[in-house]
Amino acid sequence: MLAIVLSACLANDPNVCRDYKIPIDANIDAMTCMAEAPPHFAKWSEEHPGWQVTRWRCAPATENDI
């Protein structure tokens, strides 16, 4: 299973940053993950207005991420 890993920082304090994982479909490969990721992190950004996504990537997810 893959996850989109977002690195985001607080908009009002860019020194406070965290990584967030968004699990995605278990049956896709890394290239498909990269292609399908933008709508997922756009939705995340809308739901977390105080945070600014600084980078993202696709990475393996574990059961703990779900």
N, C-alpha and C. Protein backbone atom coordinates (compact mmCIF):
# COMPACT_ATOMS: atom_id res chain seq x y z
N MET A 1 0.84 -1.18 0.00
CA MET A 1 0.00 0.00 0.00
C MET A 1 0.88 1.24 0.00
N LEU A 2 0.44 2.23 -0.74
CA LEU A 2 1.17 3.50 -0.80
C LEU A 2 0.41 4.59 -0.06
N ALA A 3 1.14 5.63 0.30
CA ALA A 3 0.55 6.81 0.92
C ALA A 3 1.19 8.04 0.30
N ILE A 4 0.43 9.11 0.28
CA ILE A 4 0.97 10.41 -0.10
C ILE A 4 1.49 11.03 1.20
N VAL A 5 2.76 11.37 1.22
CA VAL A 5 3.36 11.97 2.41
C VAL A 5 3.50 13.47 2.14
N LEU A 6 2.76 14.25 2.91
CA LEU A 6 2.80 15.70 2.79
C LEU A 6 3.71 16.27 3.87
N SER A 7 4.57 17.17 3.51
CA SER A 7 5.31 17.96 4.48
C SER A 7 4.65 19.33 4.48
N ALA A 8 4.18 19.72 5.66
CA ALA A 8 3.45 20.98 5.76
C ALA A 8 3.95 21.79 6.95
N CYS A 9 3.91 23.10 6.79
CA CYS A 9 4.33 24.01 7.85
C CYS A 9 3.18 24.95 8.18
N LEU A 10 3.15 25.40 9.42
CA LEU A 10 2.14 26.38 9.81
C LEU A 10 2.33 27.65 8.99
N ALA A 11 1.25 28.18 8.49
CA ALA A 11 1.32 29.38 7.66
C ALA A 11 1.84 30.58 8.46
N ASN A 12 1.47 30.66 9.74
CA ASN A 12 1.91 31.81 10.54
C ASN A 12 3.21 31.54 11.31
N ASP A 13 3.75 30.32 11.21
CA ASP A 13 5.04 30.00 11.83
C ASP A 13 5.72 28.91 11.01
N PRO A 14 6.41 29.29 9.93
CA PRO A 14 7.01 28.30 9.02
C PRO A 14 8.09 27.42 9.65
N ASN A 15 8.46 27.70 10.89
CA ASN A 15 9.43 26.84 11.58
C ASN A 15 8.77 25.61 12.19
N VAL A 16 7.45 25.60 12.26
CA VAL A 16 6.70 24.45 12.79
C VAL A 16 6.19 23.64 11.61
N CYS A 17 6.81 22.48 11.39
CA CYS A 17 6.46 21.64 10.25
C CYS A 17 6.20 20.21 10.71
N ARG A 18 5.35 19.51 9.94
CA ARG A 18 5.02 18.12 10.23
C ARG A 18 4.81 17.37 8.93
N ASP A 19 4.95 16.06 9.02
CA ASP A 19 4.62 15.19 7.89
C ASP A 19 3.27 14.53 8.17
N TYR A 20 2.45 14.42 7.14
CA TYR A 20 1.14 13.79 7.22
C TYR A 20 1.05 12.75 6.12
N LYS A 21 0.47 11.60 6.43
CA LYS A 21 0.30 10.55 5.43
C LYS A 21 -1.16 10.39 5.06
N ILE A 22 -1.42 10.33 3.76
CA ILE A 22 -2.76 10.09 3.24
C ILE A 22 -2.71 8.74 2.52
N PRO A 23 -3.25 7.68 3.13
CA PRO A 23 -3.25 6.37 2.47
C PRO A 23 -4.10 6.42 1.19
N ILE A 24 -3.65 5.72 0.17
CA ILE A 24 -4.39 5.65 -1.08
C ILE A 24 -4.56 4.20 -1.50
N ASP A 25 -5.23 3.98 -2.60
CA ASP A 25 -5.57 2.65 -3.09
C ASP A 25 -4.38 1.69 -3.05
N ALA A 26 -4.63 0.50 -2.54
CA ALA A 26 -3.57 -0.49 -2.39
C ALA A 26 -3.09 -1.06 -3.73
N ASN A 27 -3.87 -0.90 -4.77
CA ASN A 27 -3.55 -1.56 -6.04
C ASN A 27 -2.91 -0.64 -7.07
N ILE A 28 -2.25 0.42 -6.64
CA ILE A 28 -1.60 1.30 -7.60
C ILE A 28 -0.10 1.29 -7.41
N ASP A 29 0.61 1.65 -8.45
CA ASP A 29 2.07 1.72 -8.37
C ASP A 29 2.50 3.16 -8.09
N ALA A 30 3.79 3.36 -7.93
CA ALA A 30 4.32 4.68 -7.57
C ALA A 30 4.03 5.74 -8.64
N MET A 31 4.10 5.37 -9.91
CA MET A 31 3.84 6.34 -10.98
C MET A 31 2.38 6.80 -10.95
N THR A 32 1.46 5.88 -10.72
CA THR A 32 0.05 6.23 -10.64
C THR A 32 -0.19 7.09 -9.40
N CYS A 33 0.47 6.76 -8.32
CA CYS A 33 0.36 7.57 -7.11
C CYS A 33 0.76 9.01 -7.39
N MET A 34 1.88 9.19 -8.06
CA MET A 34 2.35 10.55 -8.37
C MET A 34 1.34 11.30 -9.23
N ALA A 35 0.74 10.59 -10.19
CA ALA A 35 -0.21 11.23 -11.09
C ALA A 35 -1.52 11.57 -10.39
N GLU A 36 -1.93 10.75 -9.43
CA GLU A 36 -3.22 10.95 -8.75
C GLU A 36 -3.12 11.74 -7.46
N ALA A 37 -1.94 12.10 -7.03
CA ALA A 37 -1.74 12.76 -5.74
C ALA A 37 -2.28 14.19 -5.65
N PRO A 38 -2.12 15.05 -6.68
CA PRO A 38 -2.50 16.46 -6.50
C PRO A 38 -3.91 16.71 -5.98
N PRO A 39 -4.95 16.03 -6.44
CA PRO A 39 -6.27 16.30 -5.85
C PRO A 39 -6.35 15.92 -4.36
N HIS A 40 -5.60 14.89 -3.96
CA HIS A 40 -5.61 14.48 -2.56
C HIS A 40 -4.97 15.53 -1.67
N PHE A 41 -3.81 16.06 -2.08
CA PHE A 41 -3.21 17.07 -1.19
C PHE A 41 -3.90 18.42 -1.33
N ALA A 42 -4.58 18.68 -2.44
CA ALA A 42 -5.38 19.91 -2.55
C ALA A 42 -6.55 19.85 -1.56
N LYS A 43 -7.19 18.68 -1.47
CA LYS A 43 -8.30 18.52 -0.52
C LYS A 43 -7.78 18.66 0.90
N TRP A 44 -6.63 18.06 1.19
CA TRP A 44 -6.05 18.17 2.51
C TRP A 44 -5.78 19.63 2.85
N SER A 45 -5.25 20.39 1.89
CA SER A 45 -4.96 21.81 2.12
C SER A 45 -6.23 22.59 2.43
N GLU A 46 -7.31 22.27 1.75
CA GLU A 46 -8.59 22.94 2.02
C GLU A 46 -9.10 22.62 3.42
N GLU A 47 -8.86 21.40 3.88
CA GLU A 47 -9.33 20.98 5.20
C GLU A 47 -8.42 21.45 6.33
N HIS A 48 -7.22 21.91 6.00
CA HIS A 48 -6.24 22.37 6.99
C HIS A 48 -5.72 23.75 6.57
N PRO A 49 -6.58 24.78 6.65
CA PRO A 49 -6.21 26.11 6.12
C PRO A 49 -5.04 26.78 6.83
N GLY A 50 -4.70 26.38 8.03
CA GLY A 50 -3.59 27.00 8.74
C GLY A 50 -2.23 26.43 8.35
N TRP A 51 -2.25 25.42 7.47
CA TRP A 51 -1.01 24.74 7.08
C TRP A 51 -0.73 24.96 5.61
N GLN A 52 0.54 25.02 5.27
CA GLN A 52 0.98 25.19 3.89
C GLN A 52 1.83 23.98 3.50
N VAL A 53 1.40 23.27 2.44
CA VAL A 53 2.17 22.12 1.96
C VAL A 53 3.45 22.64 1.32
N THR A 54 4.58 22.13 1.78
CA THR A 54 5.87 22.57 1.26
C THR A 54 6.46 21.57 0.27
N ARG A 55 6.08 20.29 0.43
CA ARG A 55 6.50 19.26 -0.53
C ARG A 55 5.65 18.02 -0.29
N TRP A 56 5.73 17.09 -1.23
CA TRP A 56 4.99 15.85 -1.09
C TRP A 56 5.70 14.76 -1.88
N ARG A 57 5.37 13.51 -1.54
CA ARG A 57 5.93 12.37 -2.25
C ARG A 57 5.03 11.16 -1.99
N CYS A 58 5.21 10.12 -2.75
CA CYS A 58 4.54 8.86 -2.53
C CYS A 58 5.52 7.92 -1.84
N ALA A 59 5.04 7.21 -0.83
CA ALA A 59 5.90 6.30 -0.08
C ALA A 59 5.08 5.12 0.43
N PRO A 60 5.74 4.05 0.79
CA PRO A 60 5.00 2.91 1.35
C PRO A 60 4.27 3.30 2.63
N ALA A 61 3.09 2.74 2.80
CA ALA A 61 2.29 2.96 4.02
C ALA A 61 2.26 1.68 4.82
N THR A 62 2.08 1.81 6.10
CA THR A 62 1.96 0.64 6.97
C THR A 62 0.54 0.59 7.52
N GLU A 63 0.20 -0.49 8.18
CA GLU A 63 -1.13 -0.61 8.80
C GLU A 63 -1.38 0.50 9.80
N ASN A 64 -0.33 1.01 10.45
CA ASN A 64 -0.48 2.09 11.43
C ASN A 64 -0.90 3.40 10.78
N ASP A 65 -0.67 3.54 9.47
CA ASP A 65 -1.00 4.77 8.77
C ASP A 65 -2.47 4.87 8.42
N ILE A 66 -3.17 3.76 8.47
CA ILE A 66 -4.58 3.73 8.03
C ILE A 66 -5.48 4.22 9.13
